[in-house]
């Protein structure tokens, strides 16, 4: 899993590329957790994620809870059809605002 970050004040964009599974989930959690602070706004770019296991879903849930506890927001962009189906079936899409692209997410979150 490759992870990169960009800051578009006040939004932090975290780009993920590769497999999000039990092996990579701790790294993703560490990076995102470092940005969880009161009123934070995080956009996870998942356009490069080709696989997400239950460990990835668990990490998403933990991040969602952590961000909500501090009054922040966390959103997703670039979901493939496969990830969108998985997250829809598991009920995860109800917890996240989702955008087609990073640009769409930034426009919505910065307004």
Protein backbone atom coordinates (compact mmCIF):
# COMPACT_ATOMS: atom_id res chain seq x y z
CA UNK A 1 0.00 0.00 0.00
CA UNK A 2 1.31 3.40 -0.99
CA UNK A 3 0.09 6.35 1.06
CA UNK A 4 0.59 10.01 0.24
CA UNK A 5 -0.91 13.15 1.69
CA UNK A 6 -1.78 16.65 0.53
CA UNK A 7 -3.17 19.55 2.49
CA UNK A 8 -5.81 21.79 0.93
CA UNK A 9 -6.64 23.89 3.95
CA UNK A 10 -8.80 22.89 5.76
CA UNK A 11 -9.03 19.49 4.03
CA UNK A 12 -6.36 16.81 4.33
CA UNK A 13 -6.39 14.46 1.33
CA UNK A 14 -4.90 11.02 1.90
CA UNK A 15 -4.27 9.06 -1.30
CA UNK A 16 -4.23 5.27 -0.95
CA UNK A 17 -2.95 2.92 -3.65
CA UNK A 18 -2.86 -0.88 -3.52
CA UNK A 19 -4.45 -3.52 -1.33
CA UNK A 20 -6.08 -2.50 1.95
CA UNK A 21 -5.92 -5.68 3.99
CA UNK A 22 -4.76 -6.96 7.38
CA UNK A 23 -1.14 -6.32 6.44
CA UNK A 24 -1.62 -2.70 5.35
CA UNK A 25 -4.50 -1.59 7.59
CA UNK A 26 -2.25 -0.61 10.55
CA UNK A 27 -0.25 1.76 8.30
CA UNK A 28 -3.41 3.41 6.99
CA UNK A 29 -4.77 3.75 10.51
CA UNK A 30 -1.52 5.32 11.75
CA UNK A 31 -1.46 7.91 8.95
CA UNK A 32 -5.11 8.88 9.30
CA UNK A 33 -5.04 8.87 13.12
CA UNK A 34 -2.22 11.41 13.05
CA UNK A 35 -4.66 13.89 11.45
CA UNK A 36 -7.63 13.30 13.74
CA UNK A 37 -8.08 16.49 15.73
CA UNK A 38 -11.02 18.71 16.67
CA UNK A 39 -12.93 19.82 13.56
CA UNK A 40 -10.56 17.98 11.20
CA UNK A 41 -11.67 17.30 7.65
CA UNK A 42 -10.19 14.23 5.96
CA UNK A 43 -10.80 13.05 2.40
CA UNK A 44 -9.63 9.52 1.64
CA UNK A 45 -8.85 9.06 -2.05
CA UNK A 46 -9.54 5.39 -2.75
CA UNK A 47 -9.24 5.55 -6.55
CA UNK A 48 -6.06 3.47 -6.37
CA UNK A 49 -7.38 0.85 -3.94
CA UNK A 50 -7.96 -2.36 -5.87
CA UNK A 51 -8.93 -4.54 -2.89
CA UNK A 52 -10.30 -3.98 0.61
CA UNK A 53 -10.64 -6.79 3.12
CA UNK A 54 -12.67 -6.84 6.30
CA UNK A 55 -9.59 -5.41 8.04
CA UNK A 56 -9.86 -2.36 5.78
CA UNK A 57 -13.54 -1.98 6.57
CA UNK A 58 -12.78 -2.27 10.29
CA UNK A 59 -10.15 0.45 9.97
CA UNK A 60 -12.63 2.69 8.16
CA UNK A 61 -15.12 2.21 10.98
CA UNK A 62 -12.50 3.08 13.62
CA UNK A 63 -11.51 6.20 11.69
CA UNK A 64 -15.14 7.23 11.29
CA UNK A 65 -15.73 6.89 15.03
CA UNK A 66 -12.52 8.75 15.91
CA UNK A 67 -13.30 11.65 13.60
CA UNK A 68 -16.90 11.92 14.79
CA UNK A 69 -15.80 11.98 18.43
CA UNK A 70 -13.85 15.20 17.80
CA UNK A 71 -16.47 16.86 15.62
CA UNK A 72 -14.60 16.36 12.37
CA UNK A 73 -15.56 14.97 9.02
CA UNK A 74 -14.24 12.10 6.93
CA UNK A 75 -15.27 11.48 3.33
CA UNK A 76 -14.31 9.13 0.52
CA UNK A 77 -13.55 9.68 -3.14
CA UNK A 78 -12.81 7.50 -6.13
CA UNK A 79 -14.62 4.35 -5.03
CA UNK A 80 -14.48 1.63 -7.67
CA UNK A 81 -17.70 -0.21 -8.45
CA UNK A 82 -16.38 -3.19 -6.51
CA UNK A 83 -15.60 -1.16 -3.38
CA UNK A 84 -18.87 0.70 -3.66
CA UNK A 85 -20.77 -2.60 -3.81
CA UNK A 86 -18.91 -4.00 -0.80
CA UNK A 87 -19.48 -0.85 1.24
CA UNK A 88 -23.13 -0.69 0.23
CA UNK A 89 -23.80 -4.30 1.23
CA UNK A 90 -22.09 -3.82 4.60
CA UNK A 91 -23.91 -0.54 5.28
CA UNK A 92 -20.74 1.57 5.30
CA UNK A 93 -21.94 3.99 2.62
CA UNK A 94 -24.47 5.38 5.10
CA UNK A 95 -21.61 6.69 7.27
CA UNK A 96 -19.56 8.47 4.62
CA UNK A 97 -20.08 11.21 2.09
CA UNK A 98 -18.70 9.84 -1.18
CA UNK A 99 -17.45 11.76 -4.20
CA UNK A 100 -16.44 10.62 -7.66
CA UNK A 101 -13.11 12.45 -7.63
CA UNK A 102 -10.81 14.25 -5.22
CA UNK A 103 -11.71 17.50 -6.93
CA UNK A 104 -15.44 16.89 -6.34
CA UNK A 105 -14.75 16.06 -2.69
CA UNK A 106 -12.61 19.15 -2.18
CA UNK A 107 -15.22 21.40 -3.75
CA UNK A 108 -17.92 20.02 -1.43
CA UNK A 109 -15.85 19.94 1.74
CA UNK A 110 -14.32 23.37 1.33
CA UNK A 111 -17.67 25.11 0.80
